[in-house]
PDB file of N, CA and C in Angstrom:
ATOM      1  N   UNK A   1      21.188 -49.072  66.087  1.00  0.00           N
ATOM      2  CA  UNK A   1      20.315 -48.055  65.564  1.00  0.00           C
ATOM      3  C   UNK A   1      19.589 -48.625  64.342  1.00  0.00           C
ATOM      4  N   UNK A   2      18.298 -48.419  64.283  1.00  0.00           N
ATOM      5  CA  UNK A   2      17.524 -48.871  63.133  1.00  0.00           C
ATOM      6  C   UNK A   2      16.927 -47.665  62.424  1.00  0.00           C
ATOM      7  N   UNK A   3      16.725 -47.821  61.149  1.00  0.00           N
ATOM      8  CA  UNK A   3      16.089 -46.753  60.384  1.00  0.00           C
ATOM      9  C   UNK A   3      14.837 -47.302  59.733  1.00  0.00           C
ATOM     10  N   UNK A   4      13.867 -46.432  59.562  1.00  0.00           N
ATOM     11  CA  UNK A   4      12.631 -46.837  58.909  1.00  0.00           C
ATOM     12  C   UNK A   4      12.904 -47.090  57.432  1.00  0.00           C
ATOM     13  N   UNK A   5      12.150 -48.009  56.877  1.00  0.00           N
ATOM     14  CA  UNK A   5      12.297 -48.289  55.446  1.00  0.00           C
ATOM     15  C   UNK A   5      11.809 -47.080  54.661  1.00  0.00           C
ATOM     16  N   UNK A   6      12.599 -46.671  53.701  1.00  0.00           N
ATOM     17  CA  UNK A   6      12.243 -45.518  52.884  1.00  0.00           C
ATOM     18  C   UNK A   6      11.491 -45.984  51.648  1.00  0.00           C
ATOM     19  N   UNK A   7      10.537 -45.181  51.230  1.00  0.00           N
ATOM     20  CA  UNK A   7       9.738 -45.482  50.052  1.00  0.00           C
ATOM     21  C   UNK A   7      10.267 -44.697  48.855  1.00  0.00           C
ATOM     22  N   UNK A   8      10.364 -45.325  47.705  1.00  0.00           N
ATOM     23  CA  UNK A   8      10.857 -44.611  46.525  1.00  0.00           C
ATOM     24  C   UNK A   8       9.814 -43.633  45.988  1.00  0.00           C
ATOM     25  N   UNK A   9      10.302 -42.560  45.404  1.00  0.00           N
ATOM     26  CA  UNK A   9       9.456 -41.567  44.743  1.00  0.00           C
ATOM     27  C   UNK A   9      10.022 -41.377  43.341  1.00  0.00           C
ATOM     28  N   UNK A  10       9.171 -41.419  42.361  1.00  0.00           N
ATOM     29  CA  UNK A  10       9.624 -41.262  40.976  1.00  0.00           C
ATOM     30  C   UNK A  10       9.359 -39.826  40.537  1.00  0.00           C
ATOM     31  N   UNK A  11      10.393 -39.196  40.023  1.00  0.00           N
ATOM     32  CA  UNK A  11      10.307 -37.804  39.589  1.00  0.00           C
ATOM     33  C   UNK A  11      10.853 -37.708  38.175  1.00  0.00           C
ATOM     34  N   UNK A  12      10.165 -36.959  37.332  1.00  0.00           N
ATOM     35  CA  UNK A  12      10.613 -36.752  35.960  1.00  0.00           C
ATOM     36  C   UNK A  12      11.140 -35.332  35.831  1.00  0.00           C
ATOM     37  N   UNK A  13      12.362 -35.199  35.328  1.00  0.00           N
ATOM     38  CA  UNK A  13      12.992 -33.892  35.158  1.00  0.00           C
ATOM     39  C   UNK A  13      13.365 -33.681  33.700  1.00  0.00           C
ATOM     40  N   UNK A  14      13.316 -32.426  33.289  1.00  0.00           N
ATOM     41  CA  UNK A  14      13.856 -32.077  31.978  1.00  0.00           C
ATOM     42  C   UNK A  14      15.355 -32.362  32.018  1.00  0.00           C
ATOM     43  N   UNK A  15      15.966 -32.619  30.867  1.00  0.00           N
ATOM     44  CA  UNK A  15      17.388 -32.950  30.812  1.00  0.00           C
ATOM     45  C   UNK A  15      18.245 -31.863  31.454  1.00  0.00           C
ATOM     46  N   UNK A  16      17.939 -30.592  31.186  1.00  0.00           N
ATOM     47  CA  UNK A  16      18.755 -29.506  31.749  1.00  0.00           C
ATOM     48  C   UNK A  16      18.644 -29.464  33.266  1.00  0.00           C
ATOM     49  N   UNK A  17      17.434 -29.696  33.799  1.00  0.00           N
ATOM     50  CA  UNK A  17      17.260 -29.717  35.258  1.00  0.00           C
ATOM     51  C   UNK A  17      17.986 -30.912  35.866  1.00  0.00           C
ATOM     52  N   UNK A  18      17.945 -32.044  35.183  1.00  0.00           N
ATOM     53  CA  UNK A  18      18.631 -33.237  35.679  1.00  0.00           C
ATOM     54  C   UNK A  18      20.137 -32.995  35.750  1.00  0.00           C
ATOM     55  N   UNK A  19      20.677 -32.348  34.731  1.00  0.00           N
ATOM     56  CA  UNK A  19      22.110 -32.034  34.732  1.00  0.00           C
ATOM     57  C   UNK A  19      22.454 -31.104  35.883  1.00  0.00           C
ATOM     58  N   UNK A  20      21.646 -30.073  36.088  1.00  0.00           N
ATOM     59  CA  UNK A  20      21.873 -29.136  37.200  1.00  0.00           C
ATOM     60  C   UNK A  20      21.810 -29.864  38.537  1.00  0.00           C
ATOM     61  N   UNK A  21      20.854 -30.778  38.661  1.00  0.00           N
ATOM     62  CA  UNK A  21      20.677 -31.568  39.877  1.00  0.00           C
ATOM     63  C   UNK A  21      21.933 -32.393  40.168  1.00  0.00           C
ATOM     64  N   UNK A  22      22.461 -33.071  39.146  1.00  0.00           N
ATOM     65  CA  UNK A  22      23.661 -33.888  39.330  1.00  0.00           C
ATOM     66  C   UNK A  22      24.876 -33.035  39.676  1.00  0.00           C
ATOM     67  N   UNK A  23      24.994 -31.874  39.054  1.00  0.00           N
ATOM     68  CA  UNK A  23      26.106 -30.971  39.364  1.00  0.00           C
ATOM     69  C   UNK A  23      26.026 -30.534  40.823  1.00  0.00           C
ATOM     70  N   UNK A  24      24.836 -30.140  41.287  1.00  0.00           N
ATOM     71  CA  UNK A  24      24.687 -29.692  42.672  1.00  0.00           C
ATOM     72  C   UNK A  24      24.946 -30.827  43.660  1.00  0.00           C
ATOM     73  N   UNK A  25      24.517 -32.026  43.331  1.00  0.00           N
ATOM     74  CA  UNK A  25      24.797 -33.172  44.208  1.00  0.00           C
ATOM     75  C   UNK A  25      26.302 -33.340  44.355  1.00  0.00           C
ATOM     76  N   UNK A  26      27.023 -33.307  43.245  1.00  0.00           N
ATOM     77  CA  UNK A  26      28.476 -33.464  43.289  1.00  0.00           C
ATOM     78  C   UNK A  26      29.172 -32.329  44.009  1.00  0.00           C
ATOM     79  N   UNK A  27      28.752 -31.094  43.723  1.00  0.00           N
ATOM     80  CA  UNK A  27      29.393 -29.932  44.351  1.00  0.00           C
ATOM     81  C   UNK A  27      29.194 -29.923  45.861  1.00  0.00           C
ATOM     82  N   UNK A  28      28.086 -30.496  46.321  1.00  0.00           N
ATOM     83  CA  UNK A  28      27.790 -30.513  47.749  1.00  0.00           C
ATOM     84  C   UNK A  28      28.113 -31.852  48.395  1.00  0.00           C
ATOM     85  N   UNK A  29      28.844 -32.681  47.675  1.00  0.00           N
ATOM     86  CA  UNK A  29      29.306 -33.981  48.166  1.00  0.00           C
ATOM     87  C   UNK A  29      28.164 -34.843  48.708  1.00  0.00           C
ATOM     88  N   UNK A  30      27.077 -34.894  47.930  1.00  0.00           N
ATOM     89  CA  UNK A  30      25.926 -35.718  48.266  1.00  0.00           C
ATOM     90  C   UNK A  30      25.650 -36.666  47.114  1.00  0.00           C
ATOM     91  N   UNK A  31      25.036 -37.783  47.419  1.00  0.00           N
ATOM     92  CA  UNK A  31      24.546 -38.626  46.336  1.00  0.00           C
ATOM     93  C   UNK A  31      23.294 -37.954  45.774  1.00  0.00           C
ATOM     94  N   UNK A  32      22.948 -38.230  44.529  1.00  0.00           N
ATOM     95  CA  UNK A  32      21.707 -37.668  44.001  1.00  0.00           C
ATOM     96  C   UNK A  32      20.498 -38.033  44.867  1.00  0.00           C
ATOM     97  N   UNK A  33      20.491 -39.233  45.410  1.00  0.00           N
ATOM     98  CA  UNK A  33      19.393 -39.655  46.272  1.00  0.00           C
ATOM     99  C   UNK A  33      19.313 -38.794  47.532  1.00  0.00           C
ATOM    100  N   UNK A  34      20.453 -38.542  48.163  1.00  0.00           N
ATOM    101  CA  UNK A  34      20.474 -37.728  49.384  1.00  0.00           C
ATOM    102  C   UNK A  34      20.055 -36.293  49.092  1.00  0.00           C
ATOM    103  N   UNK A  35      20.517 -35.733  47.974  1.00  0.00           N
ATOM    104  CA  UNK A  35      20.116 -34.372  47.612  1.00  0.00           C
ATOM    105  C   UNK A  35      18.619 -34.314  47.346  1.00  0.00           C
ATOM    106  N   UNK A  36      18.105 -35.288  46.607  1.00  0.00           N
ATOM    107  CA  UNK A  36      16.673 -35.322  46.321  1.00  0.00           C
ATOM    108  C   UNK A  36      15.843 -35.408  47.590  1.00  0.00           C
ATOM    109  N   UNK A  37      16.290 -36.231  48.528  1.00  0.00           N
ATOM    110  CA  UNK A  37      15.561 -36.377  49.792  1.00  0.00           C
ATOM    111  C   UNK A  37      15.537 -35.061  50.559  1.00  0.00           C
ATOM    112  N   UNK A  38      16.661 -34.370  50.610  1.00  0.00           N
ATOM    113  CA  UNK A  38      16.724 -33.095  51.337  1.00  0.00           C
ATOM    114  C   UNK A  38      15.882 -32.019  50.666  1.00  0.00           C
ATOM    115  N   UNK A  39      15.929 -31.961  49.338  1.00  0.00           N
ATOM    116  CA  UNK A  39      15.106 -30.983  48.624  1.00  0.00           C
ATOM    117  C   UNK A  39      13.622 -31.275  48.817  1.00  0.00           C
ATOM    118  N   UNK A  40      13.270 -32.541  48.788  1.00  0.00           N
ATOM    119  CA  UNK A  40      11.890 -32.961  48.992  1.00  0.00           C
ATOM    120  C   UNK A  40      11.408 -32.559  50.387  1.00  0.00           C
ATOM    121  N   UNK A  41      12.229 -32.832  51.412  1.00  0.00           N
ATOM    122  CA  UNK A  41      11.870 -32.475  52.783  1.00  0.00           C
ATOM    123  C   UNK A  41      11.730 -30.966  52.944  1.00  0.00           C
ATOM    124  N   UNK A  42      12.626 -30.209  52.321  1.00  0.00           N
ATOM    125  CA  UNK A  42      12.574 -28.749  52.388  1.00  0.00           C
ATOM    126  C   UNK A  42      11.285 -28.230  51.753  1.00  0.00           C
ATOM    127  N   UNK A  43      10.947 -28.760  50.579  1.00  0.00           N
ATOM    128  CA  UNK A  43       9.723 -28.335  49.896  1.00  0.00           C
ATOM    129  C   UNK A  43       8.478 -28.669  50.698  1.00  0.00           C
ATOM    130  N   UNK A  44       8.432 -29.853  51.286  1.00  0.00           N
ATOM    131  CA  UNK A  44       7.287 -30.227  52.121  1.00  0.00           C
ATOM    132  C   UNK A  44       7.164 -29.314  53.335  1.00  0.00           C
ATOM    133  N   UNK A  45       8.297 -28.994  53.962  1.00  0.00           N
ATOM    134  CA  UNK A  45       8.273 -28.108  55.131  1.00  0.00           C
ATOM    135  C   UNK A  45       7.726 -26.733  54.745  1.00  0.00           C
ATOM    136  N   UNK A  46       8.110 -26.231  53.568  1.00  0.00           N
ATOM    137  CA  UNK A  46       7.589 -24.940  53.110  1.00  0.00           C
ATOM    138  C   UNK A  46       6.074 -25.003  52.947  1.00  0.00           C
ATOM    139  N   UNK A  47       5.581 -26.045  52.302  1.00  0.00           N
ATOM    140  CA  UNK A  47       4.140 -26.185  52.101  1.00  0.00           C
ATOM    141  C   UNK A  47       3.404 -26.294  53.432  1.00  0.00           C
ATOM    142  N   UNK A  48       3.973 -27.036  54.375  1.00  0.00           N
ATOM    143  CA  UNK A  48       3.337 -27.204  55.684  1.00  0.00           C
ATOM    144  C   UNK A  48       3.294 -25.897  56.468  1.00  0.00           C
ATOM    145  N   UNK A  49       4.224 -24.988  56.178  1.00  0.00           N
ATOM    146  CA  UNK A  49       4.208 -23.658  56.811  1.00  0.00           C
ATOM    147  C   UNK A  49       3.247 -22.713  56.097  1.00  0.00           C
ATOM    148  N   UNK A  50       2.654 -23.173  55.014  1.00  0.00           N
ATOM    149  CA  UNK A  50       1.722 -22.345  54.263  1.00  0.00           C
ATOM    150  C   UNK A  50       2.368 -21.562  53.138  1.00  0.00           C
ATOM    151  N   UNK A  51       3.646 -21.777  52.892  1.00  0.00           N
ATOM    152  CA  UNK A  51       4.352 -21.083  51.817  1.00  0.00           C
ATOM    153  C   UNK A  51       4.099 -21.830  50.512  1.00  0.00           C
ATOM    154  N   UNK A  52       3.212 -21.292  49.703  1.00  0.00           N
ATOM    155  CA  UNK A  52       2.851 -21.942  48.457  1.00  0.00           C
ATOM    156  C   UNK A  52       3.590 -21.363  47.255  1.00  0.00           C
ATOM    157  N   UNK A  53       4.579 -20.519  47.495  1.00  0.00           N
ATOM    158  CA  UNK A  53       5.305 -19.880  46.395  1.00  0.00           C
ATOM    159  C   UNK A  53       5.985 -20.903  45.489  1.00  0.00           C
ATOM    160  N   UNK A  54       6.350 -22.032  46.052  1.00  0.00           N
ATOM    161  CA  UNK A  54       7.006 -23.077  45.262  1.00  0.00           C
ATOM    162  C   UNK A  54       6.060 -23.663  44.205  1.00  0.00           C
ATOM    163  N   UNK A  55       4.760 -23.475  44.392  1.00  0.00           N
ATOM    164  CA  UNK A  55       3.779 -24.036  43.469  1.00  0.00           C
ATOM    165  C   UNK A  55       3.391 -23.067  42.355  1.00  0.00           C
ATOM    166  N   UNK A  56       3.920 -21.849  42.383  1.00  0.00           N
ATOM    167  CA  UNK A  56       3.582 -20.860  41.365  1.00  0.00           C
ATOM    168  C   UNK A  56       4.183 -21.254  40.028  1.00  0.00           C
ATOM    169  N   UNK A  57       3.549 -20.846  38.970  1.00  0.00           N
ATOM    170  CA  UNK A  57       4.044 -21.163  37.632  1.00  0.00           C
ATOM    171  C   UNK A  57       3.336 -22.368  37.061  1.00  0.00           C
ATOM    172  N   UNK A  58       3.618 -22.633  35.817  1.00  0.00           N
ATOM    173  CA  UNK A  58       2.998 -23.755  35.116  1.00  0.00           C
ATOM    174  C   UNK A  58       3.851 -25.008  35.256  1.00  0.00           C
ATOM    175  N   UNK A  59       3.269 -26.095  35.738  1.00  0.00           N
ATOM    176  CA  UNK A  59       4.034 -27.346  35.800  1.00  0.00           C
ATOM    177  C   UNK A  59       4.197 -27.933  34.407  1.00  0.00           C
ATOM    178  N   UNK A  60       5.264 -28.653  34.214  1.00  0.00           N
ATOM    179  CA  UNK A  60       5.431 -29.363  32.942  1.00  0.00           C
ATOM    180  C   UNK A  60       5.136 -30.833  33.210  1.00  0.00           C
ATOM    181  N   UNK A  61       4.093 -31.369  32.603  1.00  0.00           N
ATOM    182  CA  UNK A  61       3.714 -32.759  32.888  1.00  0.00           C
ATOM    183  C   UNK A  61       4.783 -33.743  32.429  1.00  0.00           C
ATOM    184  N   UNK A  62       4.915 -34.818  33.181  1.00  0.00           N
ATOM    185  CA  UNK A  62       5.882 -35.856  32.820  1.00  0.00           C
ATOM    186  C   UNK A  62       5.486 -36.517  31.508  1.00  0.00           C
ATOM    187  N   UNK A  63       4.210 -36.665  31.318  1.00  0.00           N
ATOM    188  CA  UNK A  63       3.694 -37.258  30.080  1.00  0.00           C
ATOM    189  C   UNK A  63       2.691 -36.279  29.479  1.00  0.00           C
ATOM    190  N   UNK A  64       3.063 -35.597  28.415  1.00  0.00           N
ATOM    191  CA  UNK A  64       2.132 -34.648  27.795  1.00  0.00           C
ATOM    192  C   UNK A  64       0.836 -35.334  27.377  1.00  0.00           C
ATOM    193  N   UNK A  65      -0.246 -34.583  27.444  1.00  0.00           N
ATOM    194  CA  UNK A  65      -1.535 -35.120  27.031  1.00  0.00           C
ATOM    195  C   UNK A  65      -1.512 -35.415  25.537  1.00  0.00           C
ATOM    196  N   UNK A  66      -2.221 -36.451  25.107  1.00  0.00           N
ATOM    197  CA  UNK A  66      -2.255 -36.765  23.670  1.00  0.00           C
ATOM    198  C   UNK A  66      -2.762 -35.565  22.872  1.00  0.00           C
ATOM    199  N   UNK A  67      -2.177 -35.351  21.719  1.00  0.00           N
ATOM    200  CA  UNK A  67      -2.598 -34.253  20.864  1.00  0.00           C
ATOM    201  C   UNK A  67      -1.865 -32.959  21.117  1.00  0.00           C
ATOM    202  N   UNK A  68      -0.947 -32.936  22.059  1.00  0.00           N
ATOM    203  CA  UNK A  68      -0.198 -31.708  22.359  1.00  0.00           C
ATOM    204  C   UNK A  68       1.155 -31.747  21.732  1.00  0.00           C
TER     205      UNK A  68
END
């Protein structure tokens, strides 16, 4: 059995979200990478179905604009 090469994705999380992410990975017996992949796939599937509710709210940029 062969698997396709996976491409890395870089995501920036607030410290509190990162801690929650690690706790959920451990509680569900997944590596952080496996949990991230599943959450990513779930979010993409929602968007492809036209469910844009996940995009509501203000995003927090990984790098704040200068002067902020």
